[in-house]
Amino acid sequence: MDEIDKKIVELLQDNSRISITDIGKLINLSRPSVSERITRLVEKGILAKFTASVPAHTVGHEVSFFMEISDLKVSCDKIVNILLSNEYVTEVHCVTGNINYIVRASMPSIEMMNQFLSELMKYSQVVTSIILHSPLTCRPIKPL
């Protein structure tokens, strides 16, 4: 990845809707050259997806929280399937240390959160932290 590719990655992380024409103007490259480079970045897996950021509270998810899941009483696959089958779970990370998974979810209400936690507690130890505010939600990754 050269310096031009790095700049394209930075621009797309800042605004995935930026046009190829605008990228070309910013980096002094033709539209076809920018398009070809983006295609190569996608093929290499450097650009995994183009997406929009939607704050949970703006679409009715009033409570966002992290869960630390540990002391599994069932297989990892069973826990992961439970997490993946819940449409309100937005991130699942298998981690090292004393816990098995760190999970992020956003739900319409505390009651729904409590119901989900009750289900998970049948299969594992769960420690929950409700998100009060997020000074930084997603910092773009600078290519090295």
N, C-alpha and C. Protein backbone atom coordinates (compact mmCIF):
# COMPACT_ATOMS: atom_id res chain seq x y z
N MET A 1 0.86 -1.18 0.00
CA MET A 1 0.00 0.00 0.00
C MET A 1 0.91 1.24 0.00
N ASP A 2 0.75 2.09 -1.00
CA ASP A 2 1.56 3.29 -1.07
C ASP A 2 0.84 4.47 -0.40
N GLU A 3 1.46 5.63 -0.46
CA GLU A 3 0.91 6.82 0.21
C GLU A 3 -0.45 7.23 -0.36
N ILE A 4 -0.64 7.05 -1.67
CA ILE A 4 -1.93 7.39 -2.28
C ILE A 4 -3.03 6.47 -1.75
N ASP A 5 -2.74 5.17 -1.68
CA ASP A 5 -3.71 4.22 -1.12
C ASP A 5 -4.05 4.59 0.32
N LYS A 6 -3.04 4.95 1.09
CA LYS A 6 -3.26 5.34 2.49
C LYS A 6 -4.19 6.54 2.57
N LYS A 7 -4.00 7.50 1.71
CA LYS A 7 -4.85 8.70 1.71
C LYS A 7 -6.29 8.33 1.33
N ILE A 8 -6.44 7.44 0.36
CA ILE A 8 -7.78 6.98 -0.03
C ILE A 8 -8.46 6.29 1.15
N VAL A 9 -7.74 5.44 1.84
CA VAL A 9 -8.30 4.74 3.01
C VAL A 9 -8.73 5.76 4.06
N GLU A 10 -7.91 6.75 4.32
CA GLU A 10 -8.26 7.78 5.31
C GLU A 10 -9.51 8.55 4.89
N LEU A 11 -9.57 8.94 3.63
CA LEU A 11 -10.73 9.70 3.15
C LEU A 11 -12.01 8.88 3.25
N LEU A 12 -11.94 7.60 2.90
CA LEU A 12 -13.13 6.74 2.96
C LEU A 12 -13.55 6.44 4.39
N GLN A 13 -12.59 6.35 5.31
CA GLN A 13 -12.96 6.15 6.71
C GLN A 13 -13.64 7.39 7.27
N ASP A 14 -13.22 8.54 6.81
CA ASP A 14 -13.83 9.79 7.26
C ASP A 14 -15.24 9.94 6.70
N ASN A 15 -15.44 9.55 5.44
CA ASN A 15 -16.75 9.69 4.80
C ASN A 15 -16.86 8.64 3.70
N SER A 16 -17.54 7.54 3.97
CA SER A 16 -17.64 6.46 2.99
C SER A 16 -18.50 6.84 1.78
N ARG A 17 -19.19 7.98 1.86
CA ARG A 17 -20.01 8.43 0.74
C ARG A 17 -19.29 9.40 -0.18
N ILE A 18 -18.05 9.71 0.11
CA ILE A 18 -17.31 10.63 -0.74
C ILE A 18 -17.24 10.05 -2.15
N SER A 19 -17.41 10.89 -3.14
CA SER A 19 -17.41 10.40 -4.52
C SER A 19 -15.99 10.13 -4.99
N ILE A 20 -15.89 9.24 -5.96
CA ILE A 20 -14.59 8.94 -6.56
C ILE A 20 -14.02 10.20 -7.20
N THR A 21 -14.89 11.01 -7.78
CA THR A 21 -14.46 12.28 -8.37
C THR A 21 -13.83 13.19 -7.31
N ASP A 22 -14.49 13.31 -6.15
CA ASP A 22 -13.95 14.16 -5.08
C ASP A 22 -12.64 13.62 -4.54
N ILE A 23 -12.53 12.30 -4.41
CA ILE A 23 -11.26 11.71 -3.96
C ILE A 23 -10.17 12.07 -4.97
N GLY A 24 -10.47 11.91 -6.25
CA GLY A 24 -9.50 12.24 -7.29
C GLY A 24 -9.03 13.67 -7.22
N LYS A 25 -9.95 14.59 -6.96
CA LYS A 25 -9.58 16.01 -6.85
C LYS A 25 -8.67 16.24 -5.65
N LEU A 26 -8.97 15.57 -4.54
CA LEU A 26 -8.19 15.78 -3.31
C LEU A 26 -6.77 15.20 -3.40
N ILE A 27 -6.61 14.15 -4.18
CA ILE A 27 -5.28 13.51 -4.25
C ILE A 27 -4.63 13.65 -5.62
N ASN A 28 -5.26 14.46 -6.49
CA ASN A 28 -4.72 14.71 -7.83
C ASN A 28 -4.53 13.43 -8.64
N LEU A 29 -5.60 12.67 -8.75
CA LEU A 29 -5.57 11.42 -9.50
C LEU A 29 -6.85 11.32 -10.33
N SER A 30 -6.78 10.68 -11.47
CA SER A 30 -7.96 10.56 -12.34
C SER A 30 -9.00 9.65 -11.69
N ARG A 31 -10.24 9.84 -12.10
CA ARG A 31 -11.35 9.04 -11.59
C ARG A 31 -11.12 7.54 -11.83
N PRO A 32 -10.71 7.11 -13.04
CA PRO A 32 -10.46 5.67 -13.25
C PRO A 32 -9.34 5.13 -12.37
N SER A 33 -8.30 5.94 -12.14
CA SER A 33 -7.20 5.49 -11.28
C SER A 33 -7.67 5.30 -9.84
N VAL A 34 -8.49 6.23 -9.34
CA VAL A 34 -9.04 6.12 -7.99
C VAL A 34 -9.92 4.87 -7.89
N SER A 35 -10.76 4.69 -8.88
CA SER A 35 -11.66 3.53 -8.90
C SER A 35 -10.87 2.22 -8.89
N GLU A 36 -9.83 2.15 -9.69
CA GLU A 36 -8.98 0.95 -9.75
C GLU A 36 -8.31 0.69 -8.40
N ARG A 37 -7.83 1.75 -7.78
CA ARG A 37 -7.17 1.59 -6.48
C ARG A 37 -8.16 1.11 -5.42
N ILE A 38 -9.37 1.67 -5.42
CA ILE A 38 -10.38 1.24 -4.44
C ILE A 38 -10.72 -0.22 -4.67
N THR A 39 -10.86 -0.63 -5.91
CA THR A 39 -11.15 -2.03 -6.21
C THR A 39 -10.05 -2.93 -5.67
N ARG A 40 -8.78 -2.54 -5.86
CA ARG A 40 -7.67 -3.34 -5.34
C ARG A 40 -7.67 -3.39 -3.81
N LEU A 41 -8.00 -2.26 -3.17
CA LEU A 41 -8.06 -2.23 -1.71
C LEU A 41 -9.15 -3.15 -1.18
N VAL A 42 -10.27 -3.22 -1.89
CA VAL A 42 -11.36 -4.13 -1.50
C VAL A 42 -10.91 -5.58 -1.70
N GLU A 43 -10.31 -5.88 -2.84
CA GLU A 43 -9.85 -7.25 -3.14
C GLU A 43 -8.82 -7.73 -2.13
N LYS A 44 -7.96 -6.83 -1.66
CA LYS A 44 -6.94 -7.18 -0.67
C LYS A 44 -7.51 -7.30 0.75
N GLY A 45 -8.77 -6.89 0.94
CA GLY A 45 -9.38 -6.94 2.26
C GLY A 45 -9.04 -5.74 3.13
N ILE A 46 -8.37 -4.75 2.58
CA ILE A 46 -8.02 -3.55 3.35
C ILE A 46 -9.28 -2.72 3.60
N LEU A 47 -10.14 -2.62 2.60
CA LEU A 47 -11.46 -2.01 2.77
C LEU A 47 -12.46 -3.15 2.87
N ALA A 48 -13.00 -3.35 4.06
CA ALA A 48 -13.90 -4.47 4.29
C ALA A 48 -15.34 -4.16 3.92
N LYS A 49 -15.75 -2.92 4.12
CA LYS A 49 -17.12 -2.54 3.77
C LYS A 49 -17.26 -1.02 3.77
N PHE A 50 -18.30 -0.57 3.13
CA PHE A 50 -18.65 0.85 3.10
C PHE A 50 -19.96 0.95 3.87
N THR A 51 -20.00 1.80 4.88
CA THR A 51 -21.14 1.76 5.78
C THR A 51 -21.51 3.14 6.30
N ALA A 52 -22.65 3.20 6.98
CA ALA A 52 -23.10 4.43 7.63
C ALA A 52 -23.05 4.22 9.14
N SER A 53 -22.81 5.27 9.86
CA SER A 53 -22.79 5.22 11.32
C SER A 53 -24.13 5.75 11.84
N VAL A 54 -24.84 4.92 12.61
CA VAL A 54 -26.15 5.30 13.12
C VAL A 54 -26.11 5.25 14.65
N PRO A 55 -26.18 6.40 15.31
CA PRO A 55 -26.23 6.39 16.78
C PRO A 55 -27.47 5.63 17.27
N ALA A 56 -27.27 4.70 18.18
CA ALA A 56 -28.35 3.81 18.63
C ALA A 56 -29.58 4.57 19.11
N HIS A 57 -29.39 5.62 19.88
CA HIS A 57 -30.54 6.34 20.45
C HIS A 57 -31.40 7.00 19.38
N THR A 58 -30.84 7.26 18.20
CA THR A 58 -31.62 7.93 17.15
C THR A 58 -32.62 6.99 16.48
N VAL A 59 -32.48 5.69 16.72
CA VAL A 59 -33.40 4.72 16.12
C VAL A 59 -34.14 3.92 17.20
N GLY A 60 -34.28 4.53 18.38
CA GLY A 60 -35.10 3.92 19.43
C GLY A 60 -34.40 2.97 20.37
N HIS A 61 -33.10 2.84 20.28
CA HIS A 61 -32.35 1.97 21.20
C HIS A 61 -31.88 2.85 22.35
N GLU A 62 -32.64 2.87 23.42
CA GLU A 62 -32.41 3.82 24.51
C GLU A 62 -31.32 3.41 25.48
N VAL A 63 -30.95 2.13 25.50
CA VAL A 63 -29.90 1.69 26.41
C VAL A 63 -28.85 0.91 25.62
N SER A 64 -27.61 1.38 25.74
CA SER A 64 -26.48 0.69 25.11
C SER A 64 -25.57 0.22 26.23
N PHE A 65 -24.99 -0.96 26.06
CA PHE A 65 -24.21 -1.53 27.16
C PHE A 65 -23.17 -2.52 26.65
N PHE A 66 -22.18 -2.75 27.49
CA PHE A 66 -21.17 -3.78 27.27
C PHE A 66 -21.43 -4.91 28.25
N MET A 67 -21.12 -6.11 27.81
CA MET A 67 -21.20 -7.28 28.70
C MET A 67 -19.85 -7.98 28.68
N GLU A 68 -19.41 -8.40 29.83
CA GLU A 68 -18.25 -9.28 29.93
C GLU A 68 -18.79 -10.65 30.29
N ILE A 69 -18.56 -11.62 29.42
CA ILE A 69 -19.11 -12.95 29.61
C ILE A 69 -17.96 -13.90 29.95
N SER A 70 -18.13 -14.64 31.05
CA SER A 70 -17.08 -15.56 31.50
C SER A 70 -17.71 -16.78 32.16
N ASP A 71 -16.87 -17.69 32.62
CA ASP A 71 -17.30 -18.90 33.33
C ASP A 71 -18.42 -19.62 32.57
N LEU A 72 -18.15 -19.96 31.33
CA LEU A 72 -19.16 -20.59 30.48
C LEU A 72 -19.57 -21.96 31.04
N LYS A 73 -20.87 -22.21 31.06
CA LYS A 73 -21.42 -23.49 31.48
C LYS A 73 -21.80 -24.34 30.28
N VAL A 74 -21.67 -23.76 29.09
CA VAL A 74 -21.96 -24.45 27.84
C VAL A 74 -20.81 -24.17 26.87
N SER A 75 -20.87 -24.73 25.69
CA SER A 75 -19.80 -24.54 24.71
C SER A 75 -19.75 -23.09 24.23
N CYS A 76 -18.58 -22.71 23.76
CA CYS A 76 -18.40 -21.38 23.17
C CYS A 76 -19.36 -21.20 22.00
N ASP A 77 -19.53 -22.24 21.21
CA ASP A 77 -20.44 -22.16 20.06
C ASP A 77 -21.86 -21.81 20.48
N LYS A 78 -22.32 -22.40 21.58
CA LYS A 78 -23.68 -22.13 22.05
C LYS A 78 -23.82 -20.67 22.46
N ILE A 79 -22.86 -20.15 23.20
CA ILE A 79 -22.90 -18.75 23.63
C ILE A 79 -22.87 -17.83 22.40
N VAL A 80 -21.96 -18.11 21.48
CA VAL A 80 -21.86 -17.27 20.28
C VAL A 80 -23.16 -17.31 19.49
N ASN A 81 -23.77 -18.48 19.37
CA ASN A 81 -25.05 -18.58 18.64
C ASN A 81 -26.15 -17.77 19.32
N ILE A 82 -26.19 -17.79 20.64
CA ILE A 82 -27.18 -16.99 21.37
C ILE A 82 -26.95 -15.50 21.09
N LEU A 83 -25.69 -15.09 21.15
CA LEU A 83 -25.36 -13.68 20.92
C LEU A 83 -25.69 -13.27 19.48
N LEU A 84 -25.29 -14.08 18.52
CA LEU A 84 -25.52 -13.74 17.12
C LEU A 84 -26.99 -13.76 16.74
N SER A 85 -27.78 -14.54 17.45
CA SER A 85 -29.21 -14.62 17.12
C SER A 85 -30.00 -13.43 17.68
N ASN A 86 -29.38 -12.65 18.54
CA ASN A 86 -30.07 -11.48 19.09
C ASN A 86 -29.76 -10.26 18.23
N GLU A 87 -30.78 -9.71 17.58
CA GLU A 87 -30.59 -8.60 16.65
C GLU A 87 -30.06 -7.33 17.30
N TYR A 88 -30.11 -7.23 18.61
CA TYR A 88 -29.65 -6.04 19.31
C TYR A 88 -28.17 -6.09 19.67
N VAL A 89 -27.55 -7.24 19.51
CA VAL A 89 -26.11 -7.38 19.76
C VAL A 89 -25.37 -6.83 18.54
N THR A 90 -24.48 -5.87 18.77
CA THR A 90 -23.79 -5.22 17.66
C THR A 90 -22.31 -5.60 17.54
N GLU A 91 -21.72 -6.12 18.59
CA GLU A 91 -20.32 -6.54 18.54
C GLU A 91 -20.13 -7.74 19.46
N VAL A 92 -19.31 -8.69 19.04
CA VAL A 92 -18.92 -9.83 19.87
C VAL A 92 -17.43 -10.04 19.66
N HIS A 93 -16.68 -10.01 20.76
CA HIS A 93 -15.23 -10.18 20.70
C HIS A 93 -14.80 -11.28 21.65
N CYS A 94 -14.11 -12.29 21.13
CA CYS A 94 -13.49 -13.32 21.96
C CYS A 94 -12.15 -12.74 22.42
N VAL A 95 -11.90 -12.74 23.74
CA VAL A 95 -10.74 -12.05 24.27
C VAL A 95 -9.92 -12.94 25.20
N THR A 96 -8.71 -12.50 25.49
CA THR A 96 -7.86 -13.19 26.44
C THR A 96 -8.14 -12.66 27.84
N GLY A 97 -7.61 -13.34 28.84
CA GLY A 97 -7.76 -12.89 30.22
C GLY A 97 -8.80 -13.69 30.95
N ASN A 98 -9.38 -13.10 31.98
CA ASN A 98 -10.33 -13.80 32.85
C ASN A 98 -11.73 -13.91 32.26
N ILE A 99 -11.99 -13.20 31.20
CA ILE A 99 -13.31 -13.28 30.57
C ILE A 99 -13.18 -13.93 29.20
N ASN A 100 -14.29 -14.45 28.69
CA ASN A 100 -14.28 -15.11 27.39
C ASN A 100 -14.68 -14.17 26.25
N TYR A 101 -15.70 -13.34 26.51
CA TYR A 101 -16.23 -12.47 25.46
C TYR A 101 -16.54 -11.08 26.01
N ILE A 102 -16.29 -10.09 25.17
CA ILE A 102 -16.79 -8.74 25.41
C ILE A 102 -17.82 -8.49 24.32
N VAL A 103 -19.00 -8.05 24.72
CA VAL A 103 -20.12 -7.90 23.81
C VAL A 103 -20.71 -6.51 23.96
N ARG A 104 -21.10 -5.92 22.84
CA ARG A 104 -21.79 -4.63 22.87
C ARG A 104 -23.19 -4.85 22.32
N ALA A 105 -24.16 -4.20 22.96
CA ALA A 105 -25.54 -4.29 22.49
C ALA A 105 -26.26 -2.99 22.77
N SER A 106 -27.32 -2.75 22.02
CA SER A 106 -28.19 -1.59 22.23
C SER A 106 -29.62 -2.07 22.14
N MET A 107 -30.43 -1.74 23.12
CA MET A 107 -31.82 -2.22 23.17
C MET A 107 -32.78 -1.07 23.45
N PRO A 108 -34.05 -1.28 23.10
CA PRO A 108 -35.04 -0.23 23.32
C PRO A 108 -35.29 0.12 24.78
N SER A 109 -35.04 -0.83 25.70
CA SER A 109 -35.38 -0.55 27.09
C SER A 109 -34.51 -1.35 28.06
N ILE A 110 -34.48 -0.88 29.30
CA ILE A 110 -33.79 -1.61 30.38
C ILE A 110 -34.45 -2.97 30.58
N GLU A 111 -35.78 -3.02 30.46
CA GLU A 111 -36.50 -4.28 30.65
C GLU A 111 -36.02 -5.33 29.64
N MET A 112 -35.87 -4.93 28.38
CA MET A 112 -35.38 -5.87 27.37
C MET A 112 -33.96 -6.31 27.68
N MET A 113 -33.13 -5.36 28.14
CA MET A 113 -31.77 -5.70 28.50
C MET A 113 -31.77 -6.73 29.63
N ASN A 114 -32.59 -6.51 30.64
CA ASN A 114 -32.66 -7.44 31.77
C ASN A 114 -33.13 -8.83 31.35
N GLN A 115 -34.10 -8.90 30.44
CA GLN A 115 -34.55 -10.20 29.94
C GLN A 115 -33.42 -10.94 29.24
N PHE A 116 -32.68 -10.21 28.41
CA PHE A 116 -31.58 -10.83 27.69
C PHE A 116 -30.48 -11.28 28.65
N LEU A 117 -30.17 -10.44 29.63
CA LEU A 117 -29.14 -10.81 30.61
C LEU A 117 -29.57 -12.04 31.41
N SER A 118 -30.84 -12.12 31.76
CA SER A 118 -31.35 -13.29 32.49
C SER A 118 -31.15 -14.57 31.69
N GLU A 119 -31.37 -14.48 30.39
CA GLU A 119 -31.16 -15.64 29.51
C GLU A 119 -29.69 -16.03 29.49
N LEU A 120 -28.81 -15.05 29.33
CA LEU A 120 -27.38 -15.34 29.27
C LEU A 120 -26.84 -15.89 30.59
N MET A 121 -27.40 -15.43 31.71
CA MET A 121 -26.91 -15.86 33.02
C MET A 121 -27.19 -17.34 33.30
N LYS A 122 -28.06 -17.94 32.51
CA LYS A 122 -28.28 -19.39 32.63
C LYS A 122 -27.05 -20.16 32.16
N TYR A 123 -26.26 -19.53 31.29
CA TYR A 123 -25.16 -20.22 30.64
C TYR A 123 -23.78 -19.69 30.99
N SER A 124 -23.72 -18.56 31.72
CA SER A 124 -22.42 -17.94 31.99
C SER A 124 -22.54 -16.87 33.07
N GLN A 125 -21.40 -16.40 33.49
CA GLN A 125 -21.31 -15.23 34.37
C GLN A 125 -21.33 -14.00 33.46
N VAL A 126 -22.14 -13.00 33.80
CA VAL A 126 -22.23 -11.80 32.97
C VAL A 126 -22.07 -10.56 33.84
N VAL A 127 -21.15 -9.70 33.46
CA VAL A 127 -20.99 -8.40 34.11
C VAL A 127 -21.35 -7.36 33.06
N THR A 128 -22.26 -6.45 33.43
CA THR A 128 -22.79 -5.48 32.48
C THR A 128 -22.40 -4.06 32.88
N SER A 129 -22.07 -3.26 31.88
CA SER A 129 -21.80 -1.84 32.08
C SER A 129 -22.63 -1.06 31.08
N ILE A 130 -23.55 -0.23 31.58
CA ILE A 130 -24.37 0.61 30.72
C ILE A 130 -23.54 1.80 30.26
N ILE A 131 -23.62 2.14 29.00
CA ILE A 131 -22.88 3.26 28.44
C ILE A 131 -23.63 4.55 28.76
N LEU A 132 -22.97 5.44 29.48
CA LEU A 132 -23.58 6.73 29.83
C LEU A 132 -23.39 7.74 28.70
N HIS A 133 -22.18 7.85 28.20
CA HIS A 133 -21.89 8.66 27.01
C HIS A 133 -20.59 8.17 26.41
N SER A 134 -20.36 8.51 25.17
CA SER A 134 -19.18 8.01 24.45
C SER A 134 -18.42 9.16 23.80
N PRO A 135 -17.38 9.66 24.46
CA PRO A 135 -16.60 10.74 23.88
C PRO A 135 -15.94 10.36 22.55
N LEU A 136 -15.68 9.07 22.34
CA LEU A 136 -15.10 8.59 21.10
C LEU A 136 -15.74 7.24 20.78
N THR A 137 -16.41 7.15 19.66
CA THR A 137 -17.07 5.90 19.30
C THR A 137 -16.31 5.09 18.27
N CYS A 138 -15.61 5.75 17.38
CA CYS A 138 -14.87 5.03 16.35
C CYS A 138 -13.80 5.94 15.76
N ARG A 139 -12.58 5.70 16.13
CA ARG A 139 -11.47 6.48 15.57
C ARG A 139 -10.96 5.76 14.33
N PRO A 140 -10.85 6.47 13.22
CA PRO A 140 -10.32 5.83 12.01
C PRO A 140 -8.92 5.26 12.26
N ILE A 141 -8.63 4.14 11.63
CA ILE A 141 -7.32 3.50 11.75
C ILE A 141 -6.43 4.08 10.67
N LYS A 142 -5.29 4.61 11.09
CA LYS A 142 -4.33 5.17 10.13
C LYS A 142 -3.45 4.04 9.61
N PRO A 143 -3.43 3.87 8.30
CA PRO A 143 -2.55 2.84 7.73
C PRO A 143 -1.08 3.15 8.02
N LEU A 144 -0.30 2.13 8.30
CA LEU A 144 1.14 2.32 8.55
C LEU A 144 1.93 2.25 7.26
